[in-house]
Amino acid sequence: MPELPEVETIARGLRRALVGAEIVAVEVRKAKMAQAPTGLDFAESLRGERIAGIERRAKVVVIALGSGRRLLTSLRMTGRLVVQRPEERDFPATYVVLALADGRRLAFADVRTFGRMRLIEPNEPWDADIGPEPLERAFTAERFGAILAKRRTPIKALLLDQRRVAGIGNIYACESLWLAGIRPSRPAGSLWGPARERLRRSIIDVLERAIEMRGTTVDDYVDAEGLKGGFQNALAVYGRLGEGCPRCGSPIRRTVIAGRGTWWCGQCQR
């Protein structure tokens, strides 16, 4: 599932390629994949819009339109958002296509069809329940401490909760906890002082390094150009059951926390 680094990589690629482009036609091949405000037709509402900007919020690509509306894309498990030239074939399972005035198209493909494109009105507070962005200045030691305070939830489960911290998924929760030397099942509220700050800094470090390497391709992820990421080659624990811990050499373990596979080192994560 694309997490913060993958969605950030996609958003940056789309921003370079699409800002200023005009949408001249929209094809929706599976209705549930494209949603619009009540009373509006998704395709008709987008036709003639100009792309004014592209950002990321949590795991969502946010396309700002000239009218003030925004087009939100949640990739979920297997979604792809790719810019294609006129001569290129569609990706398999392409269900929404935005045709641009210069002949290119923005294709939304999703084999499992869990992803969604959603058109929203200006100023709609769609992200009010999403937590702070871990790569923004507001993600301070004090803010992180308040998020963890008195929580009995396992720290791994808390990091996956988008209401607490935005954008972190299974891969980067595992990697951040390993880098910080913290056991994934440890109660979040038990982290104090140096351990808590070590985790905050580890989250930032892991996410920044993953963005530099254009994300992690384990299964389906590709960026806006259709290229795979590179951080899978730098993973310390995720998906490495039985292999030696890069820090201490002990075999990597796998348990399940919050319904998700969790890879960790039983020797050096406390």
C-alpha atoms as a PDB file:
ATOM      1  CA  MET A   1       0.000   0.000   0.000  1.00  0.00           C
ATOM      2  CA  PRO A   2       1.480   3.391  -0.935  1.00  0.00           C
ATOM      3  CA  GLU A   3       2.465   5.270   2.217  1.00  0.00           C
ATOM      4  CA  LEU A   4       3.757   8.796   2.775  1.00  0.00           C
ATOM      5  CA  PRO A   5       7.024   8.461   0.785  1.00  0.00           C
ATOM      6  CA  GLU A   6       5.336   6.824  -2.192  1.00  0.00           C
ATOM      7  CA  VAL A   7       2.467   9.325  -2.298  1.00  0.00           C
ATOM      8  CA  GLU A   8       4.893  12.231  -1.854  1.00  0.00           C
ATOM      9  CA  THR A   9       6.986  10.905  -4.747  1.00  0.00           C
ATOM     10  CA  ILE A  10       3.897  10.617  -6.935  1.00  0.00           C
ATOM     11  CA  ALA A  11       2.685  14.105  -5.988  1.00  0.00           C
ATOM     12  CA  ARG A  12       6.071  15.659  -6.806  1.00  0.00           C
ATOM     13  CA  GLY A  13       6.171  13.915 -10.169  1.00  0.00           C
ATOM     14  CA  LEU A  14       2.646  15.004 -11.012  1.00  0.00           C
ATOM     15  CA  ARG A  15       3.411  18.575  -9.945  1.00  0.00           C
ATOM     16  CA  ARG A  16       6.360  18.776 -12.325  1.00  0.00           C
ATOM     17  CA  ALA A  17       4.339  17.310 -15.182  1.00  0.00           C
ATOM     18  CA  LEU A  18       0.827  18.677 -14.812  1.00  0.00           C
ATOM     19  CA  VAL A  19       0.566  22.099 -13.175  1.00  0.00           C
ATOM     20  CA  GLY A  20      -1.034  24.414 -15.726  1.00  0.00           C
ATOM     21  CA  ALA A  21      -2.479  21.587 -17.825  1.00  0.00           C
ATOM     22  CA  GLU A  22      -6.129  21.719 -18.930  1.00  0.00           C
ATOM     23  CA  ILE A  23      -8.481  18.756 -18.580  1.00  0.00           C
ATOM     24  CA  VAL A  24     -10.447  18.436 -21.809  1.00  0.00           C
ATOM     25  CA  ALA A  25     -12.222  15.117 -21.294  1.00  0.00           C
ATOM     26  CA  VAL A  26     -12.791  12.518 -18.578  1.00  0.00           C
ATOM     27  CA  GLU A  27     -13.577   8.828 -18.979  1.00  0.00           C
ATOM     28  CA  VAL A  28     -14.887   6.865 -16.003  1.00  0.00           C
ATOM     29  CA  ARG A  29     -14.832   3.127 -16.641  1.00  0.00           C
ATOM     30  CA  LYS A  30     -15.892   2.016 -13.174  1.00  0.00           C
ATOM     31  CA  ALA A  31     -18.353   4.306 -11.444  1.00  0.00           C
ATOM     32  CA  LYS A  32     -17.400   3.535  -7.838  1.00  0.00           C
ATOM     33  CA  MET A  33     -13.851   4.750  -8.473  1.00  0.00           C
ATOM     34  CA  ALA A  34     -14.934   8.370  -9.152  1.00  0.00           C
ATOM     35  CA  GLN A  35     -17.017  10.357  -6.663  1.00  0.00           C
ATOM     36  CA  ALA A  36     -18.435  13.878  -6.859  1.00  0.00           C
ATOM     37  CA  PRO A  37     -20.540  16.121  -4.593  1.00  0.00           C
ATOM     38  CA  THR A  38     -24.257  15.398  -4.606  1.00  0.00           C
ATOM     39  CA  GLY A  39     -25.913  16.653  -7.766  1.00  0.00           C
ATOM     40  CA  LEU A  40     -22.691  16.917  -9.771  1.00  0.00           C
ATOM     41  CA  ASP A  41     -21.418  14.663 -12.521  1.00  0.00           C
ATOM     42  CA  PHE A  42     -17.758  13.750 -11.979  1.00  0.00           C
ATOM     43  CA  ALA A  43     -16.692  13.869 -15.627  1.00  0.00           C
ATOM     44  CA  GLU A  44     -18.682  16.970 -16.556  1.00  0.00           C
ATOM     45  CA  SER A  45     -17.435  18.866 -13.516  1.00  0.00           C
ATOM     46  CA  LEU A  46     -13.789  18.233 -14.386  1.00  0.00           C
ATOM     47  CA  ARG A  47     -14.023  19.054 -18.079  1.00  0.00           C
ATOM     48  CA  GLY A  48     -12.428  22.458 -18.752  1.00  0.00           C
ATOM     49  CA  GLU A  49     -10.693  22.642 -15.370  1.00  0.00           C
ATOM     50  CA  ARG A  50      -7.065  23.714 -15.192  1.00  0.00           C
ATOM     51  CA  ILE A  51      -4.672  22.056 -12.747  1.00  0.00           C
ATOM     52  CA  ALA A  52      -3.475  24.787 -10.398  1.00  0.00           C
ATOM     53  CA  GLY A  53      -1.339  22.786  -7.982  1.00  0.00           C
ATOM     54  CA  ILE A  54      -0.625  19.329  -6.613  1.00  0.00           C
ATOM     55  CA  GLU A  55       0.205  18.438  -3.017  1.00  0.00           C
ATOM     56  CA  ARG A  56       0.087  15.484  -0.640  1.00  0.00           C
ATOM     57  CA  ARG A  57      -1.830  15.169   2.622  1.00  0.00           C
ATOM     58  CA  ALA A  58      -1.263  11.946   4.577  1.00  0.00           C
ATOM     59  CA  LYS A  59      -1.597   9.198   1.925  1.00  0.00           C
ATOM     60  CA  VAL A  60      -3.746  11.291  -0.431  1.00  0.00           C
ATOM     61  CA  VAL A  61      -2.741  13.113  -3.627  1.00  0.00           C
ATOM     62  CA  VAL A  62      -4.499  16.497  -3.659  1.00  0.00           C
ATOM     63  CA  ILE A  63      -4.960  18.196  -7.048  1.00  0.00           C
ATOM     64  CA  ALA A  64      -6.033  21.832  -6.759  1.00  0.00           C
ATOM     65  CA  LEU A  65      -8.208  23.001  -9.651  1.00  0.00           C
ATOM     66  CA  GLY A  66      -8.692  26.433 -11.127  1.00  0.00           C
ATOM     67  CA  SER A  67     -12.275  26.623  -9.860  1.00  0.00           C
ATOM     68  CA  GLY A  68     -11.135  26.151  -6.267  1.00  0.00           C
ATOM     69  CA  ARG A  69     -12.362  22.582  -6.150  1.00  0.00           C
ATOM     70  CA  ARG A  70      -9.920  19.794  -5.340  1.00  0.00           C
ATOM     71  CA  LEU A  71      -9.529  16.288  -6.689  1.00  0.00           C
ATOM     72  CA  LEU A  72      -8.436  13.821  -4.023  1.00  0.00           C
ATOM     73  CA  THR A  73      -6.925  10.477  -4.961  1.00  0.00           C
ATOM     74  CA  SER A  74      -6.547   7.695  -2.391  1.00  0.00           C
ATOM     75  CA  LEU A  75      -4.481   4.887  -3.873  1.00  0.00           C
ATOM     76  CA  ARG A  76      -5.281   2.402  -1.075  1.00  0.00           C
ATOM     77  CA  MET A  77      -3.698  -1.006  -1.710  1.00  0.00           C
ATOM     78  CA  THR A  78      -2.813  -1.200  -5.400  1.00  0.00           C
ATOM     79  CA  GLY A  79      -3.675   2.151  -6.965  1.00  0.00           C
ATOM     80  CA  ARG A  80      -1.485   3.824  -9.586  1.00  0.00           C
ATOM     81  CA  LEU A  81      -1.616   7.430 -10.781  1.00  0.00           C
ATOM     82  CA  VAL A  82       0.500   7.793 -13.915  1.00  0.00           C
ATOM     83  CA  VAL A  83       0.990  10.439 -16.628  1.00  0.00           C
ATOM     84  CA  GLN A  84       0.970   8.824 -20.080  1.00  0.00           C
ATOM     85  CA  ARG A  85       1.880  10.049 -23.537  1.00  0.00           C
ATOM     86  CA  PRO A  86      -0.601   9.627 -26.408  1.00  0.00           C
ATOM     87  CA  GLU A  87       1.227   6.635 -27.864  1.00  0.00           C
ATOM     88  CA  GLU A  88       1.422   4.705 -24.582  1.00  0.00           C
ATOM     89  CA  ARG A  89      -1.009   1.906 -23.793  1.00  0.00           C
ATOM     90  CA  ASP A  90      -3.190   2.009 -20.692  1.00  0.00           C
ATOM     91  CA  PHE A  91      -1.962   0.252 -17.597  1.00  0.00           C
ATOM     92  CA  PRO A  92      -4.011  -2.861 -16.752  1.00  0.00           C
ATOM     93  CA  ALA A  93      -7.101  -2.040 -14.673  1.00  0.00           C
ATOM     94  CA  THR A  94      -7.216   1.649 -15.671  1.00  0.00           C
ATOM     95  CA  TYR A  95     -10.611   2.895 -14.537  1.00  0.00           C
ATOM     96  CA  VAL A  96     -10.415   6.707 -14.694  1.00  0.00           C
ATOM     97  CA  VAL A  97      -8.688   8.705 -17.450  1.00  0.00           C
ATOM     98  CA  LEU A  98      -8.245  12.488 -17.515  1.00  0.00           C
ATOM     99  CA  ALA A  99      -7.388  13.610 -21.047  1.00  0.00           C
ATOM    100  CA  LEU A 100      -5.276  16.764 -21.251  1.00  0.00           C
ATOM    101  CA  ALA A 101      -5.205  19.467 -23.912  1.00  0.00           C
ATOM    102  CA  ASP A 102      -1.671  18.547 -25.028  1.00  0.00           C
ATOM    103  CA  GLY A 103      -2.634  14.935 -25.747  1.00  0.00           C
ATOM    104  CA  ARG A 104      -1.263  13.391 -22.570  1.00  0.00           C
ATOM    105  CA  ARG A 105      -3.537  11.722 -20.041  1.00  0.00           C
ATOM    106  CA  LEU A 106      -3.579  11.128 -16.313  1.00  0.00           C
ATOM    107  CA  ALA A 107      -4.539   7.507 -15.703  1.00  0.00           C
ATOM    108  CA  PHE A 108      -5.865   6.077 -12.438  1.00  0.00           C
ATOM    109  CA  ALA A 109      -5.428   2.306 -12.380  1.00  0.00           C
ATOM    110  CA  ASP A 110      -6.206  -0.087  -9.536  1.00  0.00           C
ATOM    111  CA  VAL A 111      -6.263  -3.863  -9.854  1.00  0.00           C
ATOM    112  CA  ARG A 112      -8.134  -4.376  -6.564  1.00  0.00           C
ATOM    113  CA  THR A 113     -10.409  -1.331  -7.080  1.00  0.00           C
ATOM    114  CA  PHE A 114     -10.111  -0.123  -3.469  1.00  0.00           C
ATOM    115  CA  GLY A 115      -8.763   3.277  -4.540  1.00  0.00           C
ATOM    116  CA  ARG A 116     -10.935   6.337  -5.074  1.00  0.00           C
ATOM    117  CA  MET A 117     -10.910   9.686  -6.862  1.00  0.00           C
ATOM    118  CA  ARG A 118     -13.095  12.206  -5.079  1.00  0.00           C
ATOM    119  CA  LEU A 119     -13.998  15.699  -6.243  1.00  0.00           C
ATOM    120  CA  ILE A 120     -14.721  18.124  -3.392  1.00  0.00           C
ATOM    121  CA  GLU A 121     -15.964  21.688  -3.166  1.00  0.00           C
ATOM    122  CA  PRO A 122     -13.704  24.601  -2.161  1.00  0.00           C
ATOM    123  CA  ASN A 123     -12.913  24.783   1.557  1.00  0.00           C
ATOM    124  CA  GLU A 124     -14.448  21.384   2.363  1.00  0.00           C
ATOM    125  CA  PRO A 125     -12.645  20.239   5.566  1.00  0.00           C
ATOM    126  CA  TRP A 126     -11.999  16.715   4.320  1.00  0.00           C
ATOM    127  CA  ASP A 127      -8.871  16.137   6.431  1.00  0.00           C
ATOM    128  CA  ALA A 128     -10.059  17.477   9.782  1.00  0.00           C
ATOM    129  CA  ASP A 129      -9.637  14.073  11.457  1.00  0.00           C
ATOM    130  CA  ILE A 130      -6.135  13.401  10.131  1.00  0.00           C
ATOM    131  CA  GLY A 131      -3.147  13.862  12.436  1.00  0.00           C
ATOM    132  CA  PRO A 132      -0.078  16.071  11.981  1.00  0.00           C
ATOM    133  CA  GLU A 133       2.368  15.602   9.130  1.00  0.00           C
ATOM    134  CA  PRO A 134       5.585  14.058  10.478  1.00  0.00           C
ATOM    135  CA  LEU A 135       7.801  15.996   8.061  1.00  0.00           C
ATOM    136  CA  GLU A 136       6.419  19.408   8.982  1.00  0.00           C
ATOM    137  CA  ARG A 137       7.805  21.700  11.681  1.00  0.00           C
ATOM    138  CA  ALA A 138       4.667  21.257  13.760  1.00  0.00           C
ATOM    139  CA  PHE A 139       5.716  17.659  14.463  1.00  0.00           C
ATOM    140  CA  THR A 140       7.673  18.745  17.516  1.00  0.00           C
ATOM    141  CA  ALA A 141       8.825  16.741  20.507  1.00  0.00           C
ATOM    142  CA  GLU A 142       6.039  18.343  22.538  1.00  0.00           C
ATOM    143  CA  ARG A 143       3.380  17.474  19.956  1.00  0.00           C
ATOM    144  CA  PHE A 144       4.583  13.900  19.646  1.00  0.00           C
ATOM    145  CA  GLY A 145       4.687  13.567  23.413  1.00  0.00           C
ATOM    146  CA  ALA A 146       1.074  14.711  23.679  1.00  0.00           C
ATOM    147  CA  ILE A 147       0.037  12.158  21.047  1.00  0.00           C
ATOM    148  CA  LEU A 148       1.657   9.307  22.988  1.00  0.00           C
ATOM    149  CA  ALA A 149       0.772  10.428  26.517  1.00  0.00           C
ATOM    150  CA  LYS A 150      -1.231   7.931  28.585  1.00  0.00           C
ATOM    151  CA  ARG A 151      -1.833   5.669  25.578  1.00  0.00           C
ATOM    152  CA  ARG A 152      -1.813   1.948  26.331  1.00  0.00           C
ATOM    153  CA  THR A 153      -2.037   1.110  22.639  1.00  0.00           C
ATOM    154  CA  PRO A 154       1.043  -0.668  21.250  1.00  0.00           C
ATOM    155  CA  ILE A 155       3.292   1.952  19.718  1.00  0.00           C
ATOM    156  CA  LYS A 156       3.175   0.189  16.335  1.00  0.00           C
ATOM    157  CA  ALA A 157      -0.646   0.376  16.285  1.00  0.00           C
ATOM    158  CA  LEU A 158      -0.595   4.055  17.261  1.00  0.00           C
ATOM    159  CA  LEU A 159       1.792   4.922  14.432  1.00  0.00           C
ATOM    160  CA  LEU A 160      -0.596   3.288  11.956  1.00  0.00           C
ATOM    161  CA  ASP A 161      -3.543   5.351  13.237  1.00  0.00           C
ATOM    162  CA  GLN A 162      -3.942   8.238  10.764  1.00  0.00           C
ATOM    163  CA  ARG A 163      -5.798  10.257  13.411  1.00  0.00           C
ATOM    164  CA  ARG A 164      -2.565  10.400  15.443  1.00  0.00           C
ATOM    165  CA  VAL A 165       0.171  10.812  12.813  1.00  0.00           C
ATOM    166  CA  ALA A 166      -0.424  11.236   9.081  1.00  0.00           C
ATOM    167  CA  GLY A 167       0.958   9.034   6.356  1.00  0.00           C
ATOM    168  CA  ILE A 168       2.800   6.272   8.215  1.00  0.00           C
ATOM    169  CA  GLY A 169       1.914   2.732   7.151  1.00  0.00           C
ATOM    170  CA  ASN A 170       3.180  -0.727   7.920  1.00  0.00           C
ATOM    171  CA  ILE A 171       6.545  -0.530   6.163  1.00  0.00           C
ATOM    172  CA  TYR A 172       7.683   2.727   7.736  1.00  0.00           C
ATOM    173  CA  ALA A 173       6.297   1.960  11.186  1.00  0.00           C
ATOM    174  CA  CYS A 174       8.404  -1.222  11.251  1.00  0.00           C
ATOM    175  CA  GLU A 175      11.494   0.543   9.930  1.00  0.00           C
ATOM    176  CA  SER A 176      11.175   3.546  12.263  1.00  0.00           C
ATOM    177  CA  LEU A 177      10.744   1.378  15.342  1.00  0.00           C
ATOM    178  CA  TRP A 178      13.760  -0.706  14.381  1.00  0.00           C
ATOM    179  CA  LEU A 179      15.924   2.378  13.847  1.00  0.00           C
ATOM    180  CA  ALA A 180      14.832   3.730  17.230  1.00  0.00           C
ATOM    181  CA  GLY A 181      15.432   0.354  18.949  1.00  0.00           C
ATOM    182  CA  ILE A 182      11.862   0.201  20.290  1.00  0.00           C
ATOM    183  CA  ARG A 183       9.762  -2.961  20.585  1.00  0.00           C
ATOM    184  CA  PRO A 184       6.605  -2.633  18.416  1.00  0.00           C
ATOM    185  CA  SER A 185       4.314  -3.992  21.149  1.00  0.00           C
ATOM    186  CA  ARG A 186       5.511  -1.533  23.791  1.00  0.00           C
ATOM    187  CA  PRO A 187       2.671   0.673  25.135  1.00  0.00           C
ATOM    188  CA  ALA A 188       2.885   4.081  23.482  1.00  0.00           C
ATOM    189  CA  GLY A 189       2.511   5.937  26.777  1.00  0.00           C
ATOM    190  CA  SER A 190       5.529   4.157  28.248  1.00  0.00           C
ATOM    191  CA  LEU A 191       7.897   6.031  25.939  1.00  0.00           C
ATOM    192  CA  TRP A 192       9.553   8.900  27.741  1.00  0.00           C
ATOM    193  CA  GLY A 193      12.491  11.235  27.306  1.00  0.00           C
ATOM    194  CA  PRO A 194      15.283   9.934  25.062  1.00  0.00           C
ATOM    195  CA  ALA A 195      13.314   6.924  23.751  1.00  0.00           C
ATOM    196  CA  ARG A 196      10.398   9.070  22.630  1.00  0.00           C
ATOM    197  CA  GLU A 197      12.653  11.624  20.950  1.00  0.00           C
ATOM    198  CA  ARG A 198      14.679   8.843  19.351  1.00  0.00           C
ATOM    199  CA  LEU A 199      11.514   7.480  17.775  1.00  0.00           C
ATOM    200  CA  ARG A 200      10.375  10.901  16.547  1.00  0.00           C
ATOM    201  CA  ARG A 201      13.723  11.504  14.892  1.00  0.00           C
ATOM    202  CA  SER A 202      13.757   7.970  13.466  1.00  0.00           C
ATOM    203  CA  ILE A 203      10.350   8.505  11.852  1.00  0.00           C
ATOM    204  CA  ILE A 204      11.599  11.662  10.177  1.00  0.00           C
ATOM    205  CA  ASP A 205      14.873  10.052   9.086  1.00  0.00           C
ATOM    206  CA  VAL A 206      13.261   6.940   7.597  1.00  0.00           C
ATOM    207  CA  LEU A 207      10.603   8.906   5.727  1.00  0.00           C
ATOM    208  CA  GLU A 208      13.119  11.385   4.309  1.00  0.00           C
ATOM    209  CA  ARG A 209      15.461   8.623   3.148  1.00  0.00           C
ATOM    210  CA  ALA A 210      12.574   6.742   1.536  1.00  0.00           C
ATOM    211  CA  ILE A 211      11.487   9.860  -0.348  1.00  0.00           C
ATOM    212  CA  GLU A 212      15.060  10.364  -1.573  1.00  0.00           C
ATOM    213  CA  MET A 213      14.904   6.825  -2.989  1.00  0.00           C
ATOM    214  CA  ARG A 214      11.431   7.435  -4.508  1.00  0.00           C
ATOM    215  CA  GLY A 215       9.596   5.079  -2.174  1.00  0.00           C
ATOM    216  CA  THR A 216       9.412   1.325  -1.683  1.00  0.00           C
ATOM    217  CA  THR A 217       8.223  -1.085  -4.367  1.00  0.00           C
ATOM    218  CA  VAL A 218       7.227  -4.373  -2.747  1.00  0.00           C
ATOM    219  CA  ASP A 219       4.331  -5.275  -5.038  1.00  0.00           C
ATOM    220  CA  ASP A 220       2.522  -2.769  -7.239  1.00  0.00           C
ATOM    221  CA  TYR A 221       3.852   0.705  -6.487  1.00  0.00           C
ATOM    222  CA  VAL A 222       5.195   2.859  -9.311  1.00  0.00           C
ATOM    223  CA  ASP A 223       5.643   6.633  -9.395  1.00  0.00           C
ATOM    224  CA  ALA A 224       3.983   9.159 -11.723  1.00  0.00           C
ATOM    225  CA  GLU A 225       6.333   8.127 -14.531  1.00  0.00           C
ATOM    226  CA  GLY A 226       5.613   4.432 -14.088  1.00  0.00           C
ATOM    227  CA  LEU A 227       8.990   3.767 -12.417  1.00  0.00           C
ATOM    228  CA  LYS A 228       9.603   1.604  -9.351  1.00  0.00           C
ATOM    229  CA  GLY A 229      11.008   2.945  -6.095  1.00  0.00           C
ATOM    230  CA  GLY A 230      14.349   2.014  -4.561  1.00  0.00           C
ATOM    231  CA  PHE A 231      13.942   1.937  -0.776  1.00  0.00           C
ATOM    232  CA  GLN A 232      13.116  -1.789  -0.823  1.00  0.00           C
ATOM    233  CA  ASN A 233      16.866  -2.261  -1.193  1.00  0.00           C
ATOM    234  CA  ALA A 234      17.497  -0.414   2.079  1.00  0.00           C
ATOM    235  CA  LEU A 235      14.893  -2.074   4.324  1.00  0.00           C
ATOM    236  CA  ALA A 236      16.313  -3.205   7.655  1.00  0.00           C
ATOM    237  CA  VAL A 237      13.518  -5.469   8.932  1.00  0.00           C
ATOM    238  CA  TYR A 238      10.328  -5.261   6.866  1.00  0.00           C
ATOM    239  CA  GLY A 239       9.748  -8.541   5.014  1.00  0.00           C
ATOM    240  CA  ARG A 240      13.071  -9.999   6.226  1.00  0.00           C
ATOM    241  CA  LEU A 241      11.846 -12.812   8.498  1.00  0.00           C
ATOM    242  CA  GLY A 242      14.730 -15.007   9.656  1.00  0.00           C
ATOM    243  CA  GLU A 243      17.456 -12.819   8.169  1.00  0.00           C
ATOM    244  CA  GLY A 244      20.088 -11.251  10.385  1.00  0.00           C
ATOM    245  CA  CYS A 245      19.375  -7.898  12.034  1.00  0.00           C
ATOM    246  CA  PRO A 246      21.653  -5.283  10.411  1.00  0.00           C
ATOM    247  CA  ARG A 247      22.516  -3.956  13.869  1.00  0.00           C
ATOM    248  CA  CYS A 248      23.071  -7.036  16.031  1.00  0.00           C
ATOM    249  CA  GLY A 249      22.823 -10.054  13.723  1.00  0.00           C
ATOM    250  CA  SER A 250      19.915 -11.740  15.542  1.00  0.00           C
ATOM    251  CA  PRO A 251      17.202 -13.314  13.352  1.00  0.00           C
ATOM    252  CA  ILE A 252      14.382 -10.949  12.430  1.00  0.00           C
ATOM    253  CA  ARG A 253      11.043 -11.968  13.958  1.00  0.00           C
ATOM    254  CA  ARG A 254       7.480 -11.539  12.700  1.00  0.00           C
ATOM    255  CA  THR A 255       4.408 -10.998  14.853  1.00  0.00           C
ATOM    256  CA  VAL A 256       0.973  -9.498  14.217  1.00  0.00           C
ATOM    257  CA  ILE A 257      -0.011  -6.162  15.783  1.00  0.00           C
ATOM    258  CA  ALA A 258      -3.240  -4.333  14.939  1.00  0.00           C
ATOM    259  CA  GLY A 259      -3.913  -6.973  12.292  1.00  0.00           C
ATOM    260  CA  ARG A 260      -0.694  -6.199  10.425  1.00  0.00           C
ATOM    261  CA  GLY A 261       2.451  -8.257   9.977  1.00  0.00           C
ATOM    262  CA  THR A 262       5.203  -6.731  12.098  1.00  0.00           C
ATOM    263  CA  TRP A 263       8.905  -7.397  11.559  1.00  0.00           C
ATOM    264  CA  TRP A 264      11.339  -6.602  14.360  1.00  0.00           C
ATOM    265  CA  CYS A 265      14.479  -7.662  16.209  1.00  0.00           C
ATOM    266  CA  GLY A 266      13.890  -9.320  19.562  1.00  0.00           C
ATOM    267  CA  GLN A 267      17.453  -8.641  20.659  1.00  0.00           C
ATOM    268  CA  CYS A 268      17.951  -4.920  20.107  1.00  0.00           C
ATOM    269  CA  GLN A 269      14.390  -3.532  20.101  1.00  0.00           C
ATOM    270  CA  ARG A 270      13.319  -2.997  23.709  1.00  0.00           C
END
